[in-house]
N, C-alpha and C. Protein backbone atom coordinates (compact mmCIF):
# COMPACT_ATOMS: atom_id res chain seq x y z
N MET A 1 -25.90 -47.50 26.25
CA MET A 1 -25.13 -46.89 25.21
C MET A 1 -25.74 -45.54 24.87
N ASN A 2 -24.88 -44.53 24.71
CA ASN A 2 -25.35 -43.19 24.38
C ASN A 2 -25.49 -43.03 22.88
N ALA A 3 -26.68 -42.68 22.48
CA ALA A 3 -26.89 -42.41 21.05
C ALA A 3 -26.69 -40.91 20.82
N THR A 4 -25.86 -40.59 19.88
CA THR A 4 -25.65 -39.18 19.59
C THR A 4 -26.42 -38.79 18.35
N LYS A 5 -26.96 -37.60 18.42
CA LYS A 5 -27.74 -37.09 17.30
C LYS A 5 -26.76 -36.52 16.28
N PRO A 6 -26.90 -36.86 15.01
CA PRO A 6 -25.99 -36.32 14.00
C PRO A 6 -26.15 -34.81 13.90
N PHE A 7 -25.04 -34.13 13.72
CA PHE A 7 -25.03 -32.68 13.61
C PHE A 7 -25.53 -32.27 12.24
N SER A 8 -26.51 -31.38 12.22
CA SER A 8 -26.98 -30.88 10.93
C SER A 8 -26.83 -29.36 10.92
N LEU A 9 -26.51 -28.83 9.78
CA LEU A 9 -26.32 -27.41 9.64
C LEU A 9 -27.67 -26.69 9.57
N LYS A 10 -27.68 -25.47 10.09
CA LYS A 10 -28.91 -24.67 10.10
C LYS A 10 -29.23 -24.15 8.71
N THR A 11 -30.51 -24.14 8.40
CA THR A 11 -30.95 -23.52 7.15
C THR A 11 -31.70 -22.23 7.43
N ASP A 12 -32.14 -22.03 8.68
CA ASP A 12 -32.82 -20.79 9.07
C ASP A 12 -31.76 -19.76 9.43
N LEU A 13 -31.73 -18.68 8.68
CA LEU A 13 -30.70 -17.66 8.87
C LEU A 13 -31.18 -16.45 9.66
N THR A 14 -32.26 -16.58 10.39
CA THR A 14 -32.82 -15.43 11.11
C THR A 14 -31.82 -14.84 12.09
N VAL A 15 -31.25 -15.66 12.95
CA VAL A 15 -30.30 -15.18 13.95
C VAL A 15 -29.04 -14.64 13.25
N THR A 16 -28.58 -15.34 12.24
CA THR A 16 -27.41 -14.91 11.49
C THR A 16 -27.66 -13.54 10.85
N HIS A 17 -28.85 -13.36 10.31
CA HIS A 17 -29.21 -12.09 9.68
C HIS A 17 -29.22 -10.96 10.70
N VAL A 18 -29.81 -11.19 11.86
CA VAL A 18 -29.87 -10.17 12.91
C VAL A 18 -28.46 -9.79 13.35
N LEU A 19 -27.60 -10.77 13.55
CA LEU A 19 -26.23 -10.49 13.97
C LEU A 19 -25.44 -9.77 12.88
N ALA A 20 -25.66 -10.14 11.62
CA ALA A 20 -25.00 -9.47 10.51
C ALA A 20 -25.44 -8.01 10.43
N GLU A 21 -26.72 -7.76 10.62
CA GLU A 21 -27.25 -6.38 10.64
C GLU A 21 -26.62 -5.59 11.77
N LEU A 22 -26.53 -6.20 12.94
CA LEU A 22 -25.96 -5.53 14.10
C LEU A 22 -24.48 -5.21 13.86
N LEU A 23 -23.76 -6.13 13.28
CA LEU A 23 -22.34 -5.88 12.98
C LEU A 23 -22.20 -4.73 11.99
N GLU A 24 -23.06 -4.67 10.98
CA GLU A 24 -23.02 -3.56 10.02
C GLU A 24 -23.25 -2.22 10.73
N ARG A 25 -24.21 -2.19 11.64
CA ARG A 25 -24.48 -0.95 12.39
C ARG A 25 -23.28 -0.55 13.23
N LEU A 26 -22.66 -1.52 13.88
CA LEU A 26 -21.49 -1.22 14.70
C LEU A 26 -20.34 -0.70 13.84
N GLU A 27 -20.17 -1.30 12.67
CA GLU A 27 -19.09 -0.89 11.76
C GLU A 27 -19.30 0.55 11.28
N ARG A 28 -20.54 0.94 11.04
CA ARG A 28 -20.82 2.27 10.49
C ARG A 28 -21.18 3.30 11.55
N SER A 29 -21.12 2.93 12.80
CA SER A 29 -21.54 3.82 13.87
C SER A 29 -20.64 5.05 13.96
N ALA A 30 -21.28 6.21 14.06
CA ALA A 30 -20.53 7.45 14.26
C ALA A 30 -20.10 7.58 15.73
N GLU A 31 -20.81 6.90 16.59
CA GLU A 31 -20.50 6.89 18.02
C GLU A 31 -19.48 5.78 18.32
N PRO A 32 -18.60 6.02 19.27
CA PRO A 32 -17.65 4.96 19.64
C PRO A 32 -18.40 3.71 20.15
N VAL A 33 -17.89 2.57 19.78
CA VAL A 33 -18.50 1.29 20.17
C VAL A 33 -17.54 0.62 21.15
N GLY A 34 -18.10 0.10 22.22
CA GLY A 34 -17.28 -0.59 23.21
C GLY A 34 -16.65 -1.85 22.62
N ALA A 35 -15.39 -2.08 22.94
CA ALA A 35 -14.67 -3.23 22.41
C ALA A 35 -15.34 -4.54 22.82
N GLU A 36 -15.84 -4.61 24.04
CA GLU A 36 -16.47 -5.85 24.52
C GLU A 36 -17.77 -6.11 23.77
N GLN A 37 -18.53 -5.05 23.49
CA GLN A 37 -19.78 -5.22 22.74
C GLN A 37 -19.48 -5.70 21.32
N TYR A 38 -18.49 -5.08 20.68
CA TYR A 38 -18.11 -5.45 19.32
C TYR A 38 -17.63 -6.90 19.29
N ARG A 39 -16.78 -7.23 20.23
CA ARG A 39 -16.24 -8.59 20.31
C ARG A 39 -17.35 -9.61 20.52
N SER A 40 -18.32 -9.28 21.36
CA SER A 40 -19.43 -10.19 21.62
C SER A 40 -20.24 -10.45 20.36
N VAL A 41 -20.55 -9.41 19.62
CA VAL A 41 -21.31 -9.57 18.38
C VAL A 41 -20.53 -10.42 17.39
N VAL A 42 -19.24 -10.13 17.24
CA VAL A 42 -18.41 -10.87 16.30
C VAL A 42 -18.33 -12.35 16.69
N LEU A 43 -18.11 -12.64 17.95
CA LEU A 43 -18.03 -14.04 18.38
C LEU A 43 -19.34 -14.78 18.18
N HIS A 44 -20.46 -14.12 18.48
CA HIS A 44 -21.76 -14.76 18.25
C HIS A 44 -21.98 -15.02 16.76
N LEU A 45 -21.60 -14.05 15.93
CA LEU A 45 -21.77 -14.22 14.49
C LEU A 45 -20.86 -15.32 13.95
N VAL A 46 -19.64 -15.41 14.46
CA VAL A 46 -18.73 -16.48 14.04
C VAL A 46 -19.35 -17.84 14.38
N ASN A 47 -19.91 -17.97 15.57
CA ASN A 47 -20.56 -19.23 15.95
C ASN A 47 -21.74 -19.55 15.05
N GLU A 48 -22.54 -18.55 14.74
CA GLU A 48 -23.69 -18.76 13.84
C GLU A 48 -23.22 -19.16 12.45
N LEU A 49 -22.22 -18.46 11.93
CA LEU A 49 -21.73 -18.77 10.59
C LEU A 49 -21.17 -20.18 10.52
N GLY A 50 -20.63 -20.67 11.61
CA GLY A 50 -20.11 -22.03 11.65
C GLY A 50 -21.20 -23.09 11.62
N ASP A 51 -22.41 -22.70 12.04
CA ASP A 51 -23.53 -23.65 12.11
C ASP A 51 -24.46 -23.56 10.91
N VAL A 52 -24.24 -22.58 10.04
CA VAL A 52 -25.15 -22.34 8.92
C VAL A 52 -24.73 -23.16 7.71
N GLU A 53 -25.73 -23.68 7.02
CA GLU A 53 -25.46 -24.46 5.81
C GLU A 53 -25.03 -23.51 4.68
N PRO A 54 -23.87 -23.76 4.08
CA PRO A 54 -23.46 -22.93 2.95
C PRO A 54 -24.44 -23.08 1.80
N GLY A 55 -24.60 -22.05 1.03
CA GLY A 55 -25.51 -22.12 -0.11
C GLY A 55 -25.95 -20.76 -0.56
N THR A 56 -27.01 -20.75 -1.33
CA THR A 56 -27.48 -19.50 -1.92
C THR A 56 -27.97 -18.51 -0.88
N ALA A 57 -28.69 -18.99 0.11
CA ALA A 57 -29.23 -18.09 1.14
C ALA A 57 -28.09 -17.41 1.91
N LEU A 58 -27.09 -18.19 2.29
CA LEU A 58 -25.95 -17.61 2.99
C LEU A 58 -25.20 -16.65 2.07
N GLY A 59 -25.02 -17.03 0.82
CA GLY A 59 -24.35 -16.15 -0.14
C GLY A 59 -25.07 -14.82 -0.29
N ALA A 60 -26.39 -14.85 -0.36
CA ALA A 60 -27.18 -13.63 -0.48
C ALA A 60 -27.02 -12.76 0.76
N LEU A 61 -27.04 -13.38 1.93
CA LEU A 61 -26.86 -12.63 3.17
C LEU A 61 -25.48 -11.96 3.18
N LEU A 62 -24.46 -12.69 2.81
CA LEU A 62 -23.10 -12.14 2.82
C LEU A 62 -22.92 -11.07 1.75
N ASP A 63 -23.62 -11.19 0.64
CA ASP A 63 -23.55 -10.18 -0.42
C ASP A 63 -24.10 -8.84 0.05
N THR A 64 -25.07 -8.87 0.95
CA THR A 64 -25.70 -7.63 1.42
C THR A 64 -25.13 -7.12 2.74
N HIS A 65 -24.21 -7.87 3.33
CA HIS A 65 -23.61 -7.48 4.61
C HIS A 65 -22.08 -7.61 4.51
N PRO A 66 -21.41 -6.57 4.02
CA PRO A 66 -19.96 -6.65 3.78
C PRO A 66 -19.13 -7.00 5.01
N ALA A 67 -19.49 -6.49 6.18
CA ALA A 67 -18.72 -6.80 7.38
C ALA A 67 -18.83 -8.28 7.73
N ALA A 68 -20.02 -8.83 7.60
CA ALA A 68 -20.21 -10.27 7.85
C ALA A 68 -19.47 -11.10 6.81
N ALA A 69 -19.48 -10.62 5.56
CA ALA A 69 -18.77 -11.34 4.49
C ALA A 69 -17.28 -11.37 4.77
N GLU A 70 -16.74 -10.24 5.22
CA GLU A 70 -15.31 -10.19 5.54
C GLU A 70 -14.99 -11.11 6.71
N LEU A 71 -15.85 -11.12 7.70
CA LEU A 71 -15.66 -12.01 8.84
C LEU A 71 -15.71 -13.47 8.40
N TYR A 72 -16.69 -13.81 7.57
CA TYR A 72 -16.84 -15.17 7.05
C TYR A 72 -15.57 -15.58 6.29
N GLU A 73 -15.08 -14.68 5.48
CA GLU A 73 -13.89 -14.96 4.69
C GLU A 73 -12.67 -15.17 5.59
N ASN A 74 -12.54 -14.36 6.62
CA ASN A 74 -11.41 -14.49 7.53
C ASN A 74 -11.48 -15.80 8.32
N VAL A 75 -12.67 -16.16 8.75
CA VAL A 75 -12.83 -17.40 9.52
C VAL A 75 -12.55 -18.62 8.65
N ASN A 76 -12.91 -18.54 7.37
CA ASN A 76 -12.74 -19.68 6.46
C ASN A 76 -11.52 -19.54 5.56
N TYR A 77 -10.62 -18.64 5.87
CA TYR A 77 -9.46 -18.38 5.02
C TYR A 77 -8.62 -19.63 4.77
N GLN A 78 -8.44 -20.44 5.81
CA GLN A 78 -7.60 -21.64 5.67
C GLN A 78 -8.17 -22.63 4.66
N TYR A 79 -9.47 -22.57 4.41
CA TYR A 79 -10.08 -23.49 3.47
C TYR A 79 -10.25 -22.91 2.07
N ALA A 80 -10.55 -21.61 2.01
CA ALA A 80 -10.93 -21.05 0.71
C ALA A 80 -10.21 -19.75 0.36
N GLY A 81 -9.30 -19.28 1.19
CA GLY A 81 -8.63 -18.02 0.89
C GLY A 81 -9.62 -16.88 0.88
N LEU A 82 -9.35 -15.90 0.05
CA LEU A 82 -10.24 -14.75 -0.04
C LEU A 82 -11.34 -15.02 -1.06
N CYS A 83 -12.15 -16.01 -0.77
CA CYS A 83 -13.13 -16.51 -1.73
C CYS A 83 -14.25 -15.53 -2.03
N ARG A 84 -14.50 -14.58 -1.17
CA ARG A 84 -15.61 -13.64 -1.39
C ARG A 84 -15.12 -12.28 -1.86
N SER A 85 -13.83 -12.04 -1.86
CA SER A 85 -13.31 -10.75 -2.31
C SER A 85 -13.31 -10.70 -3.83
N ALA A 86 -13.62 -9.54 -4.33
CA ALA A 86 -13.59 -9.37 -5.78
C ALA A 86 -12.16 -9.53 -6.26
N LEU A 87 -11.98 -10.31 -7.31
CA LEU A 87 -10.65 -10.58 -7.83
C LEU A 87 -9.97 -9.30 -8.30
N ASP A 88 -10.70 -8.42 -8.96
CA ASP A 88 -10.13 -7.17 -9.44
C ASP A 88 -9.59 -6.32 -8.29
N ALA A 89 -10.34 -6.24 -7.21
CA ALA A 89 -9.90 -5.46 -6.06
C ALA A 89 -8.65 -6.08 -5.44
N SER A 90 -8.62 -7.40 -5.36
CA SER A 90 -7.45 -8.08 -4.78
C SER A 90 -6.22 -7.87 -5.66
N LEU A 91 -6.39 -7.99 -6.97
CA LEU A 91 -5.26 -7.77 -7.88
C LEU A 91 -4.77 -6.34 -7.83
N ALA A 92 -5.68 -5.38 -7.76
CA ALA A 92 -5.30 -3.97 -7.67
C ALA A 92 -4.53 -3.71 -6.39
N ALA A 93 -4.97 -4.28 -5.29
CA ALA A 93 -4.27 -4.11 -4.02
C ALA A 93 -2.87 -4.71 -4.07
N GLU A 94 -2.76 -5.87 -4.70
CA GLU A 94 -1.45 -6.51 -4.84
C GLU A 94 -0.53 -5.65 -5.71
N ARG A 95 -1.06 -5.13 -6.80
CA ARG A 95 -0.28 -4.28 -7.69
C ARG A 95 0.20 -3.02 -6.96
N GLN A 96 -0.68 -2.40 -6.19
CA GLN A 96 -0.31 -1.20 -5.43
C GLN A 96 0.77 -1.51 -4.40
N ALA A 97 0.67 -2.66 -3.75
CA ALA A 97 1.68 -3.05 -2.76
C ALA A 97 3.03 -3.25 -3.43
N LYS A 98 3.05 -3.90 -4.59
CA LYS A 98 4.31 -4.10 -5.32
C LYS A 98 4.93 -2.77 -5.72
N GLU A 99 4.10 -1.85 -6.21
CA GLU A 99 4.60 -0.53 -6.63
C GLU A 99 5.17 0.24 -5.43
N ALA A 100 4.49 0.16 -4.30
CA ALA A 100 4.97 0.84 -3.10
C ALA A 100 6.31 0.26 -2.65
N LEU A 101 6.43 -1.06 -2.71
CA LEU A 101 7.69 -1.70 -2.33
C LEU A 101 8.82 -1.31 -3.29
N GLN A 102 8.51 -1.25 -4.58
CA GLN A 102 9.52 -0.86 -5.56
C GLN A 102 9.97 0.58 -5.34
N ARG A 103 9.02 1.48 -5.05
CA ARG A 103 9.38 2.88 -4.78
C ARG A 103 10.27 2.98 -3.55
N ALA A 104 9.93 2.25 -2.50
CA ALA A 104 10.72 2.29 -1.28
C ALA A 104 12.12 1.74 -1.52
N MET A 105 12.21 0.66 -2.28
CA MET A 105 13.52 0.08 -2.57
C MET A 105 14.36 1.03 -3.41
N SER A 106 13.77 1.69 -4.40
CA SER A 106 14.55 2.60 -5.25
C SER A 106 15.00 3.81 -4.46
N ARG A 107 14.19 4.30 -3.52
CA ARG A 107 14.61 5.42 -2.66
C ARG A 107 15.81 5.01 -1.81
N ALA A 108 15.76 3.81 -1.26
CA ALA A 108 16.86 3.34 -0.42
C ALA A 108 18.14 3.22 -1.24
N VAL A 109 18.04 2.72 -2.46
CA VAL A 109 19.21 2.58 -3.33
C VAL A 109 19.74 3.97 -3.68
N ASN A 110 18.85 4.90 -4.03
CA ASN A 110 19.27 6.26 -4.37
C ASN A 110 19.97 6.96 -3.21
N ARG A 111 19.48 6.76 -2.01
CA ARG A 111 20.12 7.37 -0.83
C ARG A 111 21.53 6.82 -0.65
N SER A 112 21.69 5.53 -0.81
CA SER A 112 23.02 4.95 -0.59
C SER A 112 23.98 5.38 -1.69
N ILE A 113 23.48 5.59 -2.90
CA ILE A 113 24.35 6.04 -4.00
C ILE A 113 24.72 7.50 -3.83
N ASN A 114 23.79 8.33 -3.38
CA ASN A 114 23.99 9.77 -3.30
C ASN A 114 24.64 10.23 -2.01
N GLN A 115 24.91 9.33 -1.09
CA GLN A 115 25.55 9.73 0.15
C GLN A 115 27.01 10.09 -0.14
N PRO A 116 27.50 11.19 0.47
CA PRO A 116 28.90 11.55 0.26
C PRO A 116 29.81 10.46 0.83
N LYS A 117 30.86 10.21 0.09
CA LYS A 117 31.83 9.22 0.54
C LYS A 117 32.70 9.83 1.64
N GLU A 118 33.06 9.02 2.58
CA GLU A 118 33.92 9.51 3.65
C GLU A 118 35.32 9.72 3.12
N ASP A 119 35.93 10.80 3.56
CA ASP A 119 37.31 11.10 3.17
C ASP A 119 38.22 10.21 4.01
N PRO A 120 38.98 9.33 3.36
CA PRO A 120 39.84 8.42 4.12
C PRO A 120 40.91 9.19 4.91
N ASN A 121 41.22 10.40 4.51
CA ASN A 121 42.27 11.18 5.19
C ASN A 121 41.68 12.13 6.23
N TYR A 122 40.36 12.11 6.42
CA TYR A 122 39.70 13.03 7.35
C TYR A 122 40.21 12.77 8.75
N GLY A 123 40.64 13.86 9.42
CA GLY A 123 41.11 13.75 10.79
C GLY A 123 42.56 13.36 10.92
N GLN A 124 43.25 13.13 9.81
CA GLN A 124 44.66 12.79 9.88
C GLN A 124 45.48 13.98 9.46
N SER A 125 46.64 14.14 10.07
CA SER A 125 47.51 15.26 9.70
C SER A 125 48.64 14.81 8.85
């Protein structure tokens, strides 16, 4: 009979920290970054974040590494939504989106109202 070892989450964040630092550097790089290199770092960090025990240490790491925090939030969106985004920033973005939609809708309505009506007798003798 095969005995399986129970899966335990990592508490050592050394590798996660290194990958988070690397992702921050790639995000802020003035030089173009290869897509494959970026993808590789992101995939490795996603795997690490999946194995790390949630808690204060992970929270502190994510607080100091915005790109890793955004990645963590996106990976865990189905469970917690935008749990790490500041509520004020999210509400402001939602408000701006609503205002933009309202402006676009009012422009469309104004165009349809201000369009000249076709002359029903145009082209007839």
